[in-house]
N, C-alpha and C. Protein backbone atom coordinates (compact mmCIF):
# COMPACT_ATOMS: atom_id res chain seq x y z
N VAL A 1 6.96 10.70 12.66
CA VAL A 1 6.73 9.33 11.27
C VAL A 1 6.13 10.11 9.87
N GLN A 2 6.74 9.84 9.53
CA GLN A 2 6.44 10.20 8.16
C GLN A 2 6.60 9.36 6.94
N LEU A 3 5.21 8.74 6.37
CA LEU A 3 5.15 8.56 4.76
C LEU A 3 5.81 8.82 3.53
N GLN A 4 6.35 8.38 2.54
CA GLN A 4 5.90 9.04 1.31
C GLN A 4 5.59 8.65 0.48
N ALA A 5 5.26 8.21 -0.11
CA ALA A 5 4.39 7.61 -1.88
C ALA A 5 4.73 8.11 -2.99
N SER A 6 5.33 7.45 -3.33
CA SER A 6 6.53 7.01 -4.95
C SER A 6 5.71 6.44 -5.72
N GLY A 7 6.06 6.84 -7.50
CA GLY A 7 6.07 5.53 -8.50
C GLY A 7 5.00 5.60 -9.10
N GLY A 8 4.04 7.03 -9.14
CA GLY A 8 2.80 6.36 -9.91
C GLY A 8 2.78 6.88 -10.72
N GLY A 9 2.38 6.77 -12.56
CA GLY A 9 1.81 7.90 -13.55
C GLY A 9 1.30 7.30 -14.58
N LEU A 10 1.18 7.32 -15.62
CA LEU A 10 0.31 7.23 -16.44
C LEU A 10 0.82 6.01 -16.84
N VAL A 11 0.05 4.50 -17.61
CA VAL A 11 0.32 3.61 -18.56
C VAL A 11 -1.23 2.81 -19.03
N GLN A 12 -0.37 2.19 -20.11
CA GLN A 12 -1.08 1.71 -20.57
C GLN A 12 -2.30 0.31 -20.05
N PRO A 13 -3.60 0.15 -20.08
CA PRO A 13 -3.83 -1.06 -19.69
C PRO A 13 -3.08 -2.63 -19.98
N GLY A 14 -2.97 -3.24 -18.99
CA GLY A 14 -1.94 -4.06 -19.39
C GLY A 14 -0.64 -4.74 -18.76
N GLY A 15 -0.04 -3.10 -18.58
CA GLY A 15 1.41 -2.51 -17.92
C GLY A 15 1.42 -3.21 -16.53
N SER A 16 2.75 -1.90 -16.31
CA SER A 16 3.11 -2.72 -14.37
C SER A 16 3.59 -1.03 -14.30
N LEU A 17 3.39 -0.50 -12.93
CA LEU A 17 4.06 0.03 -12.34
C LEU A 17 4.58 -0.16 -11.46
N ARG A 18 5.00 0.00 -10.11
CA ARG A 18 6.19 0.06 -8.77
C ARG A 18 6.10 0.92 -7.80
N LEU A 19 4.85 0.74 -7.28
CA LEU A 19 5.43 2.07 -5.63
C LEU A 19 6.09 1.73 -4.87
N SER A 20 6.65 3.11 -4.55
CA SER A 20 7.61 3.00 -2.73
C SER A 20 6.22 3.83 -2.16
N CYS A 21 6.55 3.52 -0.39
CA CYS A 21 6.17 3.77 0.67
C CYS A 21 7.38 4.24 1.20
N ALA A 22 8.35 5.33 1.07
CA ALA A 22 9.65 5.71 2.57
C ALA A 22 8.68 5.75 3.03
N ALA A 23 9.63 5.27 5.15
CA ALA A 23 8.93 5.96 6.07
C ALA A 23 10.31 6.22 6.36
N SER A 24 9.98 7.18 7.23
CA SER A 24 10.68 7.82 8.33
C SER A 24 10.61 8.12 9.93
N GLY A 25 11.38 8.29 10.56
CA GLY A 25 10.97 8.94 11.51
C GLY A 25 10.68 7.35 12.85
N PHE A 26 10.48 5.90 12.29
CA PHE A 26 10.22 5.05 12.79
C PHE A 26 11.19 3.66 11.88
N THR A 27 10.90 2.13 12.21
CA THR A 27 11.70 1.35 11.44
C THR A 27 10.76 0.93 11.09
N LEU A 28 10.48 -0.04 10.38
CA LEU A 28 8.89 -0.94 10.06
C LEU A 28 9.72 -2.33 10.51
N ASP A 29 10.40 -2.34 11.32
CA ASP A 29 11.07 -3.97 11.85
C ASP A 29 9.55 -4.31 12.40
N TYR A 30 8.81 -3.45 13.08
CA TYR A 30 7.91 -4.00 13.90
C TYR A 30 6.43 -3.55 14.24
N SER A 31 6.22 -3.21 12.51
CA SER A 31 5.38 -2.63 12.16
C SER A 31 4.22 -3.00 11.08
N ALA A 32 2.94 -2.43 10.62
CA ALA A 32 2.60 -3.08 9.10
C ALA A 32 2.07 -1.29 8.42
N ILE A 33 2.20 -1.98 7.02
CA ILE A 33 2.15 -0.69 6.75
C ILE A 33 0.94 -1.10 5.83
N GLY A 34 0.07 -0.25 5.53
CA GLY A 34 -0.99 -0.47 4.13
C GLY A 34 -1.07 0.49 2.91
N TRP A 35 -2.00 -0.26 2.16
CA TRP A 35 -1.89 0.13 1.24
C TRP A 35 -3.54 0.84 -0.01
N PHE A 36 -3.46 1.97 0.02
CA PHE A 36 -5.08 2.59 0.26
C PHE A 36 -5.04 3.15 -1.34
N ARG A 37 -6.01 3.46 -2.11
CA ARG A 37 -6.02 4.07 -2.65
C ARG A 37 -7.69 4.67 -3.02
N GLN A 38 -7.87 5.89 -3.95
CA GLN A 38 -9.11 6.85 -3.86
C GLN A 38 -9.63 7.70 -4.77
N THR A 39 -10.29 7.12 -6.05
CA THR A 39 -10.68 8.50 -6.83
C THR A 39 -11.65 9.27 -6.40
N PRO A 40 -11.83 10.40 -7.27
CA PRO A 40 -13.00 10.99 -6.94
C PRO A 40 -14.07 11.08 -6.03
N GLU A 41 -14.88 9.55 -7.31
CA GLU A 41 -16.01 9.59 -7.91
C GLU A 41 -16.54 8.09 -6.25
N ASN A 42 -14.87 7.39 -5.37
CA ASN A 42 -15.31 6.41 -4.51
C ASN A 42 -14.80 6.74 -3.54
N GLU A 43 -15.06 5.62 -1.96
CA GLU A 43 -14.39 6.32 -0.60
C GLU A 43 -12.98 5.31 -1.19
N ARG A 44 -12.36 5.73 0.24
CA ARG A 44 -11.10 4.84 0.27
C ARG A 44 -10.90 3.81 0.42
N GLU A 45 -10.28 2.99 -0.68
CA GLU A 45 -10.27 1.26 0.18
C GLU A 45 -8.83 1.04 0.09
N GLY A 46 -9.02 -0.52 0.85
CA GLY A 46 -7.85 -0.89 1.41
C GLY A 46 -7.03 -1.73 0.31
N VAL A 47 -5.99 -2.02 -0.50
CA VAL A 47 -5.58 -2.84 -1.42
C VAL A 47 -4.59 -3.67 -0.92
N SER A 48 -3.68 -3.45 0.30
CA SER A 48 -2.97 -3.96 0.05
C SER A 48 -1.94 -3.59 1.67
N CYS A 49 -1.05 -5.18 2.81
CA CYS A 49 -1.31 -4.45 3.75
C CYS A 49 0.30 -5.47 3.84
N ILE A 50 1.11 -5.00 4.09
CA ILE A 50 2.06 -6.09 4.84
C ILE A 50 2.65 -6.61 6.37
N SER A 51 2.54 -7.10 7.20
CA SER A 51 3.07 -6.58 8.71
C SER A 51 4.59 -7.07 8.59
N SER A 52 6.07 -6.22 9.66
CA SER A 52 6.76 -6.73 8.45
C SER A 52 7.37 -7.40 9.36
N HIS A 53 7.26 -8.16 10.63
CA HIS A 53 7.60 -8.95 11.49
C HIS A 53 8.09 -10.44 11.11
N ASP A 54 7.11 -10.79 9.96
CA ASP A 54 6.81 -12.00 9.40
C ASP A 54 7.24 -12.24 7.65
N GLY A 55 6.33 -10.70 7.40
CA GLY A 55 6.35 -10.67 6.06
C GLY A 55 4.41 -11.09 5.54
N SER A 56 3.89 -11.23 6.32
CA SER A 56 2.69 -11.94 5.93
C SER A 56 1.92 -10.24 4.95
N THR A 57 0.69 -11.08 4.25
CA THR A 57 0.48 -9.85 3.22
C THR A 57 -0.97 -10.38 3.35
N LYS A 58 -2.29 -9.53 3.08
CA LYS A 58 -3.50 -9.01 2.45
C LYS A 58 -3.33 -8.23 0.92
N TYR A 59 -4.34 -9.09 1.20
CA TYR A 59 -5.14 -8.34 -1.02
C TYR A 59 -6.14 -7.80 -0.49
N ALA A 60 -6.72 -7.39 -1.34
CA ALA A 60 -7.70 -6.62 -1.56
C ALA A 60 -8.09 -7.56 -2.74
N ASP A 61 -9.77 -8.74 -2.64
CA ASP A 61 -10.11 -9.30 -3.69
C ASP A 61 -9.76 -8.78 -5.99
N SER A 62 -9.53 -7.91 -6.08
CA SER A 62 -9.94 -6.93 -6.75
C SER A 62 -8.96 -7.01 -7.24
N VAL A 63 -7.52 -6.93 -6.23
CA VAL A 63 -6.26 -6.48 -6.09
C VAL A 63 -5.88 -8.55 -7.00
N LYS A 64 -6.01 -9.08 -6.69
CA LYS A 64 -5.15 -10.39 -5.89
C LYS A 64 -5.09 -11.16 -7.08
N GLY A 65 -3.74 -12.01 -7.40
CA GLY A 65 -3.11 -12.41 -8.38
C GLY A 65 -2.53 -10.82 -9.99
N ARG A 66 -3.06 -9.92 -9.09
CA ARG A 66 -2.16 -9.07 -9.89
C ARG A 66 -1.38 -7.82 -9.25
N PHE A 67 -1.59 -8.06 -8.08
CA PHE A 67 -0.75 -7.13 -7.10
C PHE A 67 0.04 -7.46 -6.24
N THR A 68 1.82 -7.35 -6.35
CA THR A 68 2.15 -7.65 -4.78
C THR A 68 3.25 -6.91 -4.12
N VAL A 69 3.31 -7.00 -2.53
CA VAL A 69 2.97 -5.63 -1.49
C VAL A 69 4.26 -6.67 -0.95
N SER A 70 5.87 -5.54 -0.76
CA SER A 70 6.84 -6.14 -0.18
C SER A 70 7.54 -5.59 0.29
N LYS A 71 8.35 -5.58 1.30
CA LYS A 71 8.92 -4.95 1.83
C LYS A 71 10.81 -4.39 1.72
N ASP A 72 12.19 -3.68 2.24
CA ASP A 72 12.85 -3.79 2.18
C ASP A 72 12.77 -2.99 3.61
N ASN A 73 13.78 -3.81 4.70
CA ASN A 73 13.36 -2.91 5.96
C ASN A 73 14.80 -2.39 6.18
N GLY A 74 16.38 -2.77 5.45
CA GLY A 74 17.33 -1.90 5.27
C GLY A 74 17.02 -0.78 4.90
N ASP A 75 16.46 -0.65 3.99
CA ASP A 75 15.62 0.35 2.97
C ASP A 75 14.65 1.42 3.97
N ASN A 76 14.08 0.31 5.17
CA ASN A 76 12.60 1.45 5.84
C ASN A 76 11.70 1.28 5.03
N THR A 77 11.28 0.49 3.50
CA THR A 77 10.23 1.00 2.29
C THR A 77 9.79 -0.06 1.77
N VAL A 78 8.57 -0.11 1.35
CA VAL A 78 7.32 -0.66 1.46
C VAL A 78 7.30 -0.30 -0.22
N TYR A 79 6.57 -1.68 -0.98
CA TYR A 79 6.72 -1.82 -2.30
C TYR A 79 5.33 -1.77 -2.72
N LEU A 80 4.62 -1.66 -3.96
CA LEU A 80 3.17 -1.90 -4.62
C LEU A 80 3.71 -2.89 -5.83
N GLN A 81 4.05 -4.12 -6.51
CA GLN A 81 4.06 -4.07 -7.63
C GLN A 81 2.97 -4.52 -7.91
N MET A 82 2.43 -3.35 -9.61
CA MET A 82 1.23 -3.52 -10.16
C MET A 82 1.58 -4.00 -11.20
N ASN A 83 0.93 -5.34 -11.72
CA ASN A 83 0.98 -5.76 -12.71
C ASN A 83 -0.36 -5.87 -13.30
N GLY A 84 -0.27 -6.11 -14.86
CA GLY A 84 -1.81 -6.74 -15.16
C GLY A 84 -2.90 -5.60 -15.49
N LEU A 85 -1.82 -4.28 -14.56
CA LEU A 85 -3.35 -2.67 -14.96
C LEU A 85 -4.69 -2.45 -16.21
N LYS A 86 -5.46 -2.10 -14.98
CA LYS A 86 -6.83 -1.96 -16.18
C LYS A 86 -6.77 -0.70 -15.22
N PRO A 87 -8.19 0.38 -16.28
CA PRO A 87 -8.55 1.31 -15.82
C PRO A 87 -9.39 1.73 -14.78
N GLU A 88 -9.97 0.59 -14.40
CA GLU A 88 -10.20 0.34 -12.90
C GLU A 88 -9.44 0.97 -11.65
N ASP A 89 -7.85 0.23 -12.33
CA ASP A 89 -7.12 1.03 -11.05
C ASP A 89 -6.48 2.17 -11.15
N THR A 90 -7.09 2.89 -12.23
CA THR A 90 -7.15 4.55 -11.53
C THR A 90 -7.31 5.08 -10.88
N ALA A 91 -6.34 5.64 -9.95
CA ALA A 91 -6.64 5.89 -8.40
C ALA A 91 -5.58 6.75 -7.73
N VAL A 92 -5.66 7.29 -7.01
CA VAL A 92 -4.31 8.35 -5.65
C VAL A 92 -4.10 6.95 -4.72
N TYR A 93 -2.91 6.58 -4.57
CA TYR A 93 -2.24 5.69 -4.03
C TYR A 93 -1.73 6.16 -2.64
N TYR A 94 -2.20 5.40 -1.76
CA TYR A 94 -1.48 5.90 -1.01
C TYR A 94 -1.02 4.33 0.64
N CYS A 95 0.05 5.12 1.00
CA CYS A 95 0.53 4.80 2.28
C CYS A 95 0.16 4.82 3.21
N ALA A 96 0.10 3.71 4.73
CA ALA A 96 -0.14 4.16 5.58
C ALA A 96 -0.07 3.31 7.13
N LEU A 97 0.51 3.70 8.12
CA LEU A 97 0.60 2.95 9.13
C LEU A 97 -0.18 2.59 9.99
N ASP A 98 0.01 1.10 10.16
CA ASP A 98 -1.24 0.31 11.11
C ASP A 98 -0.73 1.23 12.50
N GLN A 99 -1.59 1.31 12.77
CA GLN A 99 -2.25 2.18 13.79
C GLN A 99 -2.36 1.30 15.26
N ARG A 100 -2.85 0.13 15.34
CA ARG A 100 -2.90 -0.58 16.12
C ARG A 100 -1.17 -1.43 17.11
N GLY A 101 -1.52 -1.80 18.41
CA GLY A 101 -0.28 -2.47 18.67
C GLY A 101 0.61 -3.19 18.91
N LEU A 102 1.59 -3.77 17.96
CA LEU A 102 1.68 -5.20 18.32
C LEU A 102 1.79 -6.38 18.10
N PHE A 103 0.83 -7.34 19.30
CA PHE A 103 0.29 -7.80 19.68
C PHE A 103 -0.61 -7.95 18.63
N SER A 104 -1.38 -6.86 18.54
CA SER A 104 -2.60 -7.13 17.60
C SER A 104 -2.30 -7.31 16.00
N ILE A 105 -1.43 -6.96 15.75
CA ILE A 105 -0.83 -7.12 14.26
C ILE A 105 -0.28 -8.78 14.24
N ILE A 106 0.26 -8.83 15.37
CA ILE A 106 0.90 -10.60 15.30
C ILE A 106 0.22 -11.25 15.40
N SER A 107 -1.10 -11.30 16.15
CA SER A 107 -2.34 -11.79 16.49
C SER A 107 -3.72 -11.70 15.21
N THR A 108 -3.66 -11.01 14.98
CA THR A 108 -4.80 -11.03 13.75
C THR A 108 -4.15 -10.68 11.99
N GLY A 109 -3.03 -9.99 12.28
CA GLY A 109 -1.92 -10.37 11.00
C GLY A 109 -2.68 -8.86 10.12
N CYS A 110 -2.08 -8.10 8.92
CA CYS A 110 -1.71 -7.32 8.94
C CYS A 110 -3.65 -7.05 8.51
N SER A 111 -3.70 -5.72 8.39
CA SER A 111 -5.53 -4.89 8.07
C SER A 111 -5.41 -4.01 6.81
N ILE A 112 -6.30 -3.81 6.18
CA ILE A 112 -6.64 -2.63 5.51
C ILE A 112 -8.20 -2.48 4.74
N GLN A 113 -8.66 -2.21 6.70
CA GLN A 113 -9.67 -1.36 7.32
C GLN A 113 -9.18 -0.32 7.45
N ILE A 114 -9.28 0.47 6.67
CA ILE A 114 -9.31 2.13 6.87
C ILE A 114 -8.94 2.33 8.60
N ALA A 115 -10.28 2.67 9.55
CA ALA A 115 -9.95 2.74 10.72
C ALA A 115 -8.88 2.41 10.97
N ASP A 116 -7.55 0.74 10.83
CA ASP A 116 -6.33 0.81 11.99
C ASP A 116 -5.52 1.74 11.31
N PHE A 117 -5.30 2.75 10.54
CA PHE A 117 -4.81 3.30 10.23
C PHE A 117 -4.53 4.86 10.57
N GLY A 118 -3.34 5.26 10.29
CA GLY A 118 -2.66 6.82 10.25
C GLY A 118 -1.70 7.20 9.96
N SER A 119 -1.34 7.84 10.53
CA SER A 119 0.52 8.57 9.46
C SER A 119 -0.08 8.39 8.41
N TRP A 120 -0.61 9.21 7.57
CA TRP A 120 -0.84 8.93 5.74
C TRP A 120 0.57 9.30 5.26
N GLY A 121 0.76 8.83 3.90
CA GLY A 121 1.32 9.84 3.56
C GLY A 121 0.61 10.21 2.30
N GLN A 122 1.37 11.34 1.81
CA GLN A 122 0.96 12.16 0.40
C GLN A 122 0.18 10.85 -0.90
N GLY A 123 -0.61 10.90 -0.90
CA GLY A 123 -1.11 10.20 -2.46
C GLY A 123 0.28 10.11 -3.80
N THR A 124 0.01 8.88 -4.34
CA THR A 124 1.03 9.59 -5.81
C THR A 124 -0.05 8.88 -6.73
N GLN A 125 -0.73 9.64 -7.91
CA GLN A 125 -1.02 9.18 -9.24
C GLN A 125 -1.25 8.15 -10.17
N VAL A 126 -2.24 6.90 -9.80
CA VAL A 126 -1.49 5.80 -11.58
C VAL A 126 -2.80 6.45 -12.31
N THR A 127 -2.44 6.11 -13.00
CA THR A 127 -3.48 6.79 -14.04
C THR A 127 -3.60 5.22 -15.07
N VAL A 128 -4.77 4.50 -15.25
CA VAL A 128 -4.47 3.61 -16.24
C VAL A 128 -5.04 4.08 -17.82
N SER A 129 -4.69 3.85 -18.92
CA SER A 129 -5.74 4.69 -20.50
C SER A 129 -4.77 4.43 -21.05
N SER A 130 -5.65 4.13 -22.31
CA SER A 130 -4.56 4.33 -23.77
C SER A 130 -4.86 5.36 -24.47
């Protein structure tokens, strides 16, 4: 099981980026993927998640209305479209696989609680600065 995040970069405030999380070694069809971010000063925090079985999503309050998570089961990839970026969005962004069973995911929806995740991918740096 491997996850690889990519697509980060330097962008001006108000700009956009699309992050990708490519999965290998398993299928996204019956899983949930979460996006997280971390700065040197702060603990890792949950940003968004998506359940592949029904496409349901969740977002942290800080990114609601600006970020959109989506999936392409054919490409086995999850995307995070980030619009209206702010300097406080600067962080290393990670994707990870929800380790809970499918029944839990279906019952409660996807999660952005770090404790529910494993198989962390290598992060991608997002820097928002003028």
